[in-house]
């Protein structure tokens, strides 16, 4: 039997994409998970994802699966690693291309083969299916590297925020505690914030200034190259 042109005998592993979606509730970093409605690992939690169609790119697959399984869309995704351990998926030889995204927390609902979709705080992550614990560790490592070069809060905080909210975000990502005065001084010195003529009352006894991000200053600093040290 003749082989068709450009057809090879090499194995053809399946390809999936998985999405590690980070959000922030004002106090803690959150991760979006779906509960699997089918085998393997039925009932276990995992990252939104699935098999790539022949007519789509990896990012198109990631966006489609995210929408189908949670009902949400990520404006920006970044590919951070490819996971290819031979035994990572009991269904066969499956390679997954992993993406991470930073999104404002919104209502989600399980769909397609996801029975549920839900946000979890990092310390409350349940046992994950497949090798998704490894995906999570890698995604957090990448996020902690990016935070020194990018104003992560652009995507996770509201347009107006307090210094305490910003500090809570950085502490949640880096898993550290900062001195309040030193943190504020460093962030203001970086020239990434605009102090607004607005205040809020987080408690009945304390008034807090509101800030916004200075996107023009950030773009200028990014062109020159900068690193935010803590």
C-alpha atoms as a PDB file:
ATOM      1  CA  UNK A   1       0.000   0.000   0.000  1.00  0.00           C
ATOM      2  CA  UNK A   2       1.406   3.333  -1.051  1.00  0.00           C
ATOM      3  CA  UNK A   3       1.804   6.059   1.507  1.00  0.00           C
ATOM      4  CA  UNK A   4       0.212   9.397   0.757  1.00  0.00           C
ATOM      5  CA  UNK A   5       2.558  12.295   0.106  1.00  0.00           C
ATOM      6  CA  UNK A   6       3.944  13.894   3.274  1.00  0.00           C
ATOM      7  CA  UNK A   7       2.506  11.150   5.463  1.00  0.00           C
ATOM      8  CA  UNK A   8       4.932   9.686   7.973  1.00  0.00           C
ATOM      9  CA  UNK A   9       5.003   6.617  10.188  1.00  0.00           C
ATOM     10  CA  UNK A  10       6.059   8.536  13.286  1.00  0.00           C
ATOM     11  CA  UNK A  11       3.699   8.503  16.306  1.00  0.00           C
ATOM     12  CA  UNK A  12       1.254  11.386  16.514  1.00  0.00           C
ATOM     13  CA  UNK A  13       0.727  12.456  20.140  1.00  0.00           C
ATOM     14  CA  UNK A  14      -2.434  14.369  20.976  1.00  0.00           C
ATOM     15  CA  UNK A  15      -2.088  18.037  21.947  1.00  0.00           C
ATOM     16  CA  UNK A  16      -4.089  19.889  24.576  1.00  0.00           C
ATOM     17  CA  UNK A  17      -3.951  23.347  26.126  1.00  0.00           C
ATOM     18  CA  UNK A  18      -4.487  24.275  29.778  1.00  0.00           C
ATOM     19  CA  UNK A  19      -5.191  27.710  31.262  1.00  0.00           C
ATOM     20  CA  UNK A  20      -3.966  28.880  34.657  1.00  0.00           C
ATOM     21  CA  UNK A  21      -6.161  31.904  35.351  1.00  0.00           C
ATOM     22  CA  UNK A  22      -5.183  34.177  38.251  1.00  0.00           C
ATOM     23  CA  UNK A  23      -7.522  36.667  39.904  1.00  0.00           C
ATOM     24  CA  UNK A  24      -7.418  38.846  43.020  1.00  0.00           C
ATOM     25  CA  UNK A  25     -10.308  39.354  45.471  1.00  0.00           C
ATOM     26  CA  UNK A  26      -8.792  42.387  47.200  1.00  0.00           C
ATOM     27  CA  UNK A  27      -7.064  40.272  49.817  1.00  0.00           C
ATOM     28  CA  UNK A  28      -5.861  36.998  48.309  1.00  0.00           C
ATOM     29  CA  UNK A  29      -4.654  35.657  44.976  1.00  0.00           C
ATOM     30  CA  UNK A  30      -7.243  33.340  43.433  1.00  0.00           C
ATOM     31  CA  UNK A  31      -7.025  30.586  40.810  1.00  0.00           C
ATOM     32  CA  UNK A  32      -9.833  29.436  38.519  1.00  0.00           C
ATOM     33  CA  UNK A  33     -10.498  25.679  38.457  1.00  0.00           C
ATOM     34  CA  UNK A  34     -13.088  23.398  36.880  1.00  0.00           C
ATOM     35  CA  UNK A  35     -14.431  20.158  38.296  1.00  0.00           C
ATOM     36  CA  UNK A  36     -14.163  17.376  35.769  1.00  0.00           C
ATOM     37  CA  UNK A  37     -17.492  15.867  34.752  1.00  0.00           C
ATOM     38  CA  UNK A  38     -16.012  12.902  32.876  1.00  0.00           C
ATOM     39  CA  UNK A  39     -13.264  10.325  33.264  1.00  0.00           C
ATOM     40  CA  UNK A  40     -10.387  10.267  33.779  1.00  0.00           C
ATOM     41  CA  UNK A  41     -10.338  11.945  37.201  1.00  0.00           C
ATOM     42  CA  UNK A  42     -14.101  12.540  37.204  1.00  0.00           C
ATOM     43  CA  UNK A  43     -14.982  14.768  40.160  1.00  0.00           C
ATOM     44  CA  UNK A  44     -11.432  16.067  40.601  1.00  0.00           C
ATOM     45  CA  UNK A  45     -10.496  19.704  39.994  1.00  0.00           C
ATOM     46  CA  UNK A  46      -8.283  20.807  37.133  1.00  0.00           C
ATOM     47  CA  UNK A  47      -7.421  23.802  34.991  1.00  0.00           C
ATOM     48  CA  UNK A  48      -9.709  24.700  32.099  1.00  0.00           C
ATOM     49  CA  UNK A  49      -8.426  23.059  28.949  1.00  0.00           C
ATOM     50  CA  UNK A  50      -8.888  20.401  26.312  1.00  0.00           C
ATOM     51  CA  UNK A  51      -7.830  18.913  23.019  1.00  0.00           C
ATOM     52  CA  UNK A  52      -6.733  21.124  20.144  1.00  0.00           C
ATOM     53  CA  UNK A  53      -8.713  21.041  16.906  1.00  0.00           C
ATOM     54  CA  UNK A  54      -6.865  20.629  13.618  1.00  0.00           C
ATOM     55  CA  UNK A  55      -7.928  24.075  12.375  1.00  0.00           C
ATOM     56  CA  UNK A  56      -6.916  26.210  15.382  1.00  0.00           C
ATOM     57  CA  UNK A  57      -3.773  27.540  16.994  1.00  0.00           C
ATOM     58  CA  UNK A  58      -2.779  26.711  20.554  1.00  0.00           C
ATOM     59  CA  UNK A  59      -3.961  30.098  21.848  1.00  0.00           C
ATOM     60  CA  UNK A  60      -7.257  29.796  19.970  1.00  0.00           C
ATOM     61  CA  UNK A  61      -7.732  26.397  21.591  1.00  0.00           C
ATOM     62  CA  UNK A  62      -6.944  27.802  25.042  1.00  0.00           C
ATOM     63  CA  UNK A  63      -9.411  30.670  24.617  1.00  0.00           C
ATOM     64  CA  UNK A  64     -12.120  28.358  23.271  1.00  0.00           C
ATOM     65  CA  UNK A  65     -11.748  25.818  26.065  1.00  0.00           C
ATOM     66  CA  UNK A  66     -11.754  28.566  28.691  1.00  0.00           C
ATOM     67  CA  UNK A  67     -15.000  29.969  27.302  1.00  0.00           C
ATOM     68  CA  UNK A  68     -16.657  26.560  26.914  1.00  0.00           C
ATOM     69  CA  UNK A  69     -15.758  25.353  30.404  1.00  0.00           C
ATOM     70  CA  UNK A  70     -16.135  28.552  32.462  1.00  0.00           C
ATOM     71  CA  UNK A  71     -18.022  31.107  30.361  1.00  0.00           C
ATOM     72  CA  UNK A  72     -15.252  33.705  30.622  1.00  0.00           C
ATOM     73  CA  UNK A  73     -12.713  35.200  28.235  1.00  0.00           C
ATOM     74  CA  UNK A  74      -9.154  36.313  28.960  1.00  0.00           C
ATOM     75  CA  UNK A  75      -8.094  39.467  27.130  1.00  0.00           C
ATOM     76  CA  UNK A  76      -4.451  38.430  27.257  1.00  0.00           C
ATOM     77  CA  UNK A  77      -2.785  35.045  27.663  1.00  0.00           C
ATOM     78  CA  UNK A  78       0.874  34.155  27.749  1.00  0.00           C
ATOM     79  CA  UNK A  79       2.277  30.712  27.004  1.00  0.00           C
ATOM     80  CA  UNK A  80       4.634  29.713  29.811  1.00  0.00           C
ATOM     81  CA  UNK A  81       5.554  26.048  29.356  1.00  0.00           C
ATOM     82  CA  UNK A  82       4.933  22.802  27.495  1.00  0.00           C
ATOM     83  CA  UNK A  83       4.410  19.671  29.604  1.00  0.00           C
ATOM     84  CA  UNK A  84       5.306  16.436  27.844  1.00  0.00           C
ATOM     85  CA  UNK A  85       6.053  13.716  30.396  1.00  0.00           C
ATOM     86  CA  UNK A  86       5.073  10.419  28.682  1.00  0.00           C
ATOM     87  CA  UNK A  87       2.798   9.227  31.504  1.00  0.00           C
ATOM     88  CA  UNK A  88       1.162  12.561  32.377  1.00  0.00           C
ATOM     89  CA  UNK A  89      -2.248  11.595  30.918  1.00  0.00           C
ATOM     90  CA  UNK A  90      -3.791   8.106  31.385  1.00  0.00           C
ATOM     91  CA  UNK A  91      -5.637   8.452  28.067  1.00  0.00           C
ATOM     92  CA  UNK A  92      -2.415   8.145  26.087  1.00  0.00           C
ATOM     93  CA  UNK A  93       0.481  10.242  24.817  1.00  0.00           C
ATOM     94  CA  UNK A  94      -0.776  13.788  25.391  1.00  0.00           C
ATOM     95  CA  UNK A  95       1.335  16.947  25.307  1.00  0.00           C
ATOM     96  CA  UNK A  96      -0.172  20.080  26.823  1.00  0.00           C
ATOM     97  CA  UNK A  97       0.725  23.682  26.074  1.00  0.00           C
ATOM     98  CA  UNK A  98       0.100  25.758  29.188  1.00  0.00           C
ATOM     99  CA  UNK A  99      -0.982  29.398  29.315  1.00  0.00           C
ATOM    100  CA  UNK A 100      -1.464  31.784  32.189  1.00  0.00           C
ATOM    101  CA  UNK A 101      -3.611  34.887  32.333  1.00  0.00           C
ATOM    102  CA  UNK A 102      -4.409  37.648  34.820  1.00  0.00           C
ATOM    103  CA  UNK A 103      -8.105  38.497  34.993  1.00  0.00           C
ATOM    104  CA  UNK A 104     -10.452  40.407  37.222  1.00  0.00           C
ATOM    105  CA  UNK A 105     -12.575  37.966  39.180  1.00  0.00           C
ATOM    106  CA  UNK A 106     -15.974  37.452  37.620  1.00  0.00           C
ATOM    107  CA  UNK A 107     -18.830  35.006  37.874  1.00  0.00           C
ATOM    108  CA  UNK A 108     -18.071  31.683  36.201  1.00  0.00           C
ATOM    109  CA  UNK A 109     -20.172  28.639  35.392  1.00  0.00           C
ATOM    110  CA  UNK A 110     -19.141  25.135  34.420  1.00  0.00           C
ATOM    111  CA  UNK A 111     -19.901  24.068  30.858  1.00  0.00           C
ATOM    112  CA  UNK A 112     -19.036  21.432  28.239  1.00  0.00           C
ATOM    113  CA  UNK A 113     -17.329  18.580  30.160  1.00  0.00           C
ATOM    114  CA  UNK A 114     -16.770  20.718  33.288  1.00  0.00           C
ATOM    115  CA  UNK A 115     -19.339  20.024  35.996  1.00  0.00           C
ATOM    116  CA  UNK A 116     -18.432  23.191  37.927  1.00  0.00           C
ATOM    117  CA  UNK A 117     -16.172  26.232  37.671  1.00  0.00           C
ATOM    118  CA  UNK A 118     -14.961  28.007  40.799  1.00  0.00           C
ATOM    119  CA  UNK A 119     -12.319  30.417  42.111  1.00  0.00           C
ATOM    120  CA  UNK A 120     -10.013  29.105  44.848  1.00  0.00           C
ATOM    121  CA  UNK A 121      -7.541  30.918  47.092  1.00  0.00           C
ATOM    122  CA  UNK A 122      -4.032  29.508  46.705  1.00  0.00           C
ATOM    123  CA  UNK A 123      -4.043  27.981  50.174  1.00  0.00           C
ATOM    124  CA  UNK A 124      -7.368  26.256  49.470  1.00  0.00           C
ATOM    125  CA  UNK A 125      -6.443  24.494  46.217  1.00  0.00           C
ATOM    126  CA  UNK A 126      -7.852  20.923  46.283  1.00  0.00           C
ATOM    127  CA  UNK A 127      -6.054  17.864  44.923  1.00  0.00           C
ATOM    128  CA  UNK A 128      -5.695  18.407  41.175  1.00  0.00           C
ATOM    129  CA  UNK A 129      -6.097  16.010  38.262  1.00  0.00           C
ATOM    130  CA  UNK A 130      -3.331  14.949  35.869  1.00  0.00           C
ATOM    131  CA  UNK A 131      -0.071  16.823  36.559  1.00  0.00           C
ATOM    132  CA  UNK A 132      -1.843  20.109  37.184  1.00  0.00           C
ATOM    133  CA  UNK A 133      -0.127  20.632  40.522  1.00  0.00           C
ATOM    134  CA  UNK A 134       3.088  20.914  38.500  1.00  0.00           C
ATOM    135  CA  UNK A 135       1.396  23.353  36.106  1.00  0.00           C
ATOM    136  CA  UNK A 136       0.367  25.500  39.064  1.00  0.00           C
ATOM    137  CA  UNK A 137       3.838  25.557  40.602  1.00  0.00           C
ATOM    138  CA  UNK A 138       5.357  26.575  37.287  1.00  0.00           C
ATOM    139  CA  UNK A 139       2.734  29.267  36.685  1.00  0.00           C
ATOM    140  CA  UNK A 140       3.295  30.799  40.130  1.00  0.00           C
ATOM    141  CA  UNK A 141       7.052  30.798  39.526  1.00  0.00           C
ATOM    142  CA  UNK A 142       6.542  32.676  36.237  1.00  0.00           C
ATOM    143  CA  UNK A 143       4.147  35.144  37.880  1.00  0.00           C
ATOM    144  CA  UNK A 144       6.669  35.875  40.638  1.00  0.00           C
ATOM    145  CA  UNK A 145       9.333  36.563  38.022  1.00  0.00           C
ATOM    146  CA  UNK A 146       7.064  38.821  35.946  1.00  0.00           C
ATOM    147  CA  UNK A 147       6.010  40.929  38.924  1.00  0.00           C
ATOM    148  CA  UNK A 148       9.471  42.517  39.026  1.00  0.00           C
ATOM    149  CA  UNK A 149       9.181  43.738  35.442  1.00  0.00           C
ATOM    150  CA  UNK A 150       5.451  44.317  34.883  1.00  0.00           C
ATOM    151  CA  UNK A 151       2.770  46.178  36.850  1.00  0.00           C
ATOM    152  CA  UNK A 152       0.681  43.077  37.538  1.00  0.00           C
ATOM    153  CA  UNK A 153      -2.008  45.183  39.192  1.00  0.00           C
ATOM    154  CA  UNK A 154      -3.097  46.618  35.836  1.00  0.00           C
ATOM    155  CA  UNK A 155      -5.021  43.416  35.218  1.00  0.00           C
ATOM    156  CA  UNK A 156      -5.939  42.366  38.751  1.00  0.00           C
ATOM    157  CA  UNK A 157      -6.939  45.567  40.546  1.00  0.00           C
ATOM    158  CA  UNK A 158      -9.820  47.943  39.840  1.00  0.00           C
ATOM    159  CA  UNK A 159      -9.090  51.237  38.073  1.00  0.00           C
ATOM    160  CA  UNK A 160      -8.893  52.960  41.473  1.00  0.00           C
ATOM    161  CA  UNK A 161      -7.358  51.247  44.478  1.00  0.00           C
ATOM    162  CA  UNK A 162      -5.763  51.888  47.856  1.00  0.00           C
ATOM    163  CA  UNK A 163      -2.122  51.364  48.705  1.00  0.00           C
ATOM    164  CA  UNK A 164      -3.184  48.607  51.086  1.00  0.00           C
ATOM    165  CA  UNK A 165      -4.925  46.737  48.248  1.00  0.00           C
ATOM    166  CA  UNK A 166      -1.803  47.036  46.100  1.00  0.00           C
ATOM    167  CA  UNK A 167       0.397  45.821  48.946  1.00  0.00           C
ATOM    168  CA  UNK A 168      -1.959  42.896  49.621  1.00  0.00           C
ATOM    169  CA  UNK A 169      -1.716  41.903  45.966  1.00  0.00           C
ATOM    170  CA  UNK A 170       2.096  41.867  45.963  1.00  0.00           C
ATOM    171  CA  UNK A 171       2.223  40.051  49.304  1.00  0.00           C
ATOM    172  CA  UNK A 172      -0.229  37.447  48.043  1.00  0.00           C
ATOM    173  CA  UNK A 173       1.797  36.774  44.883  1.00  0.00           C
ATOM    174  CA  UNK A 174       5.236  36.760  46.526  1.00  0.00           C
ATOM    175  CA  UNK A 175       4.095  35.108  49.783  1.00  0.00           C
ATOM    176  CA  UNK A 176       5.862  37.708  51.927  1.00  0.00           C
ATOM    177  CA  UNK A 177       4.955  40.546  54.287  1.00  0.00           C
ATOM    178  CA  UNK A 178       6.129  44.097  53.613  1.00  0.00           C
ATOM    179  CA  UNK A 179       6.540  47.043  55.933  1.00  0.00           C
ATOM    180  CA  UNK A 180       3.670  49.359  55.005  1.00  0.00           C
ATOM    181  CA  UNK A 181       5.675  52.597  54.928  1.00  0.00           C
ATOM    182  CA  UNK A 182       8.599  51.110  52.986  1.00  0.00           C
ATOM    183  CA  UNK A 183       6.307  49.477  50.437  1.00  0.00           C
ATOM    184  CA  UNK A 184       4.430  52.734  49.781  1.00  0.00           C
ATOM    185  CA  UNK A 185       7.701  54.656  49.458  1.00  0.00           C
ATOM    186  CA  UNK A 186       9.110  52.164  46.954  1.00  0.00           C
ATOM    187  CA  UNK A 187       5.960  52.079  44.811  1.00  0.00           C
ATOM    188  CA  UNK A 188       5.686  55.879  44.709  1.00  0.00           C
ATOM    189  CA  UNK A 189       9.387  56.218  43.925  1.00  0.00           C
ATOM    190  CA  UNK A 190       8.943  53.872  40.942  1.00  0.00           C
ATOM    191  CA  UNK A 191       6.654  56.517  39.395  1.00  0.00           C
ATOM    192  CA  UNK A 192       4.051  53.918  38.411  1.00  0.00           C
ATOM    193  CA  UNK A 193       1.184  55.387  40.435  1.00  0.00           C
ATOM    194  CA  UNK A 194      -0.992  58.471  40.225  1.00  0.00           C
ATOM    195  CA  UNK A 195      -2.364  59.739  43.521  1.00  0.00           C
ATOM    196  CA  UNK A 196      -5.980  60.751  42.996  1.00  0.00           C
ATOM    197  CA  UNK A 197      -7.921  63.510  44.719  1.00  0.00           C
ATOM    198  CA  UNK A 198     -10.236  60.865  46.115  1.00  0.00           C
ATOM    199  CA  UNK A 199     -10.373  58.908  49.346  1.00  0.00           C
ATOM    200  CA  UNK A 200     -12.317  56.032  50.800  1.00  0.00           C
ATOM    201  CA  UNK A 201     -13.015  54.888  54.339  1.00  0.00           C
ATOM    202  CA  UNK A 202     -11.869  51.239  54.673  1.00  0.00           C
ATOM    203  CA  UNK A 203     -12.872  51.455  58.335  1.00  0.00           C
ATOM    204  CA  UNK A 204     -14.937  53.938  60.309  1.00  0.00           C
ATOM    205  CA  UNK A 205     -11.747  55.380  61.839  1.00  0.00           C
ATOM    206  CA  UNK A 206      -9.361  55.439  58.892  1.00  0.00           C
ATOM    207  CA  UNK A 207      -9.346  57.299  55.598  1.00  0.00           C
ATOM    208  CA  UNK A 208      -7.297  55.996  52.665  1.00  0.00           C
ATOM    209  CA  UNK A 209      -6.091  57.682  49.497  1.00  0.00           C
ATOM    210  CA  UNK A 210      -6.988  56.225  46.116  1.00  0.00           C
ATOM    211  CA  UNK A 211      -4.458  55.631  43.343  1.00  0.00           C
ATOM    212  CA  UNK A 212      -4.441  54.609  39.702  1.00  0.00           C
ATOM    213  CA  UNK A 213      -1.675  53.222  37.526  1.00  0.00           C
ATOM    214  CA  UNK A 214       0.358  55.572  35.348  1.00  0.00           C
ATOM    215  CA  UNK A 215       0.357  53.621  32.086  1.00  0.00           C
ATOM    216  CA  UNK A 216       2.380  56.265  30.210  1.00  0.00           C
ATOM    217  CA  UNK A 217       5.149  56.159  32.791  1.00  0.00           C
ATOM    218  CA  UNK A 218       5.099  52.370  32.760  1.00  0.00           C
ATOM    219  CA  UNK A 219       5.448  52.222  28.977  1.00  0.00           C
ATOM    220  CA  UNK A 220       8.382  54.636  29.139  1.00  0.00           C
ATOM    221  CA  UNK A 221      10.101  52.645  31.878  1.00  0.00           C
ATOM    222  CA  UNK A 222       9.501  49.423  30.001  1.00  0.00           C
ATOM    223  CA  UNK A 223      11.232  50.829  26.927  1.00  0.00           C
ATOM    224  CA  UNK A 224      14.269  51.800  29.011  1.00  0.00           C
ATOM    225  CA  UNK A 225      14.223  48.593  31.002  1.00  0.00           C
ATOM    226  CA  UNK A 226      13.593  48.497  34.738  1.00  0.00           C
ATOM    227  CA  UNK A 227      13.332  46.057  37.610  1.00  0.00           C
ATOM    228  CA  UNK A 228      11.216  46.609  40.687  1.00  0.00           C
ATOM    229  CA  UNK A 229      13.062  45.236  43.701  1.00  0.00           C
ATOM    230  CA  UNK A 230      11.490  44.525  47.085  1.00  0.00           C
END
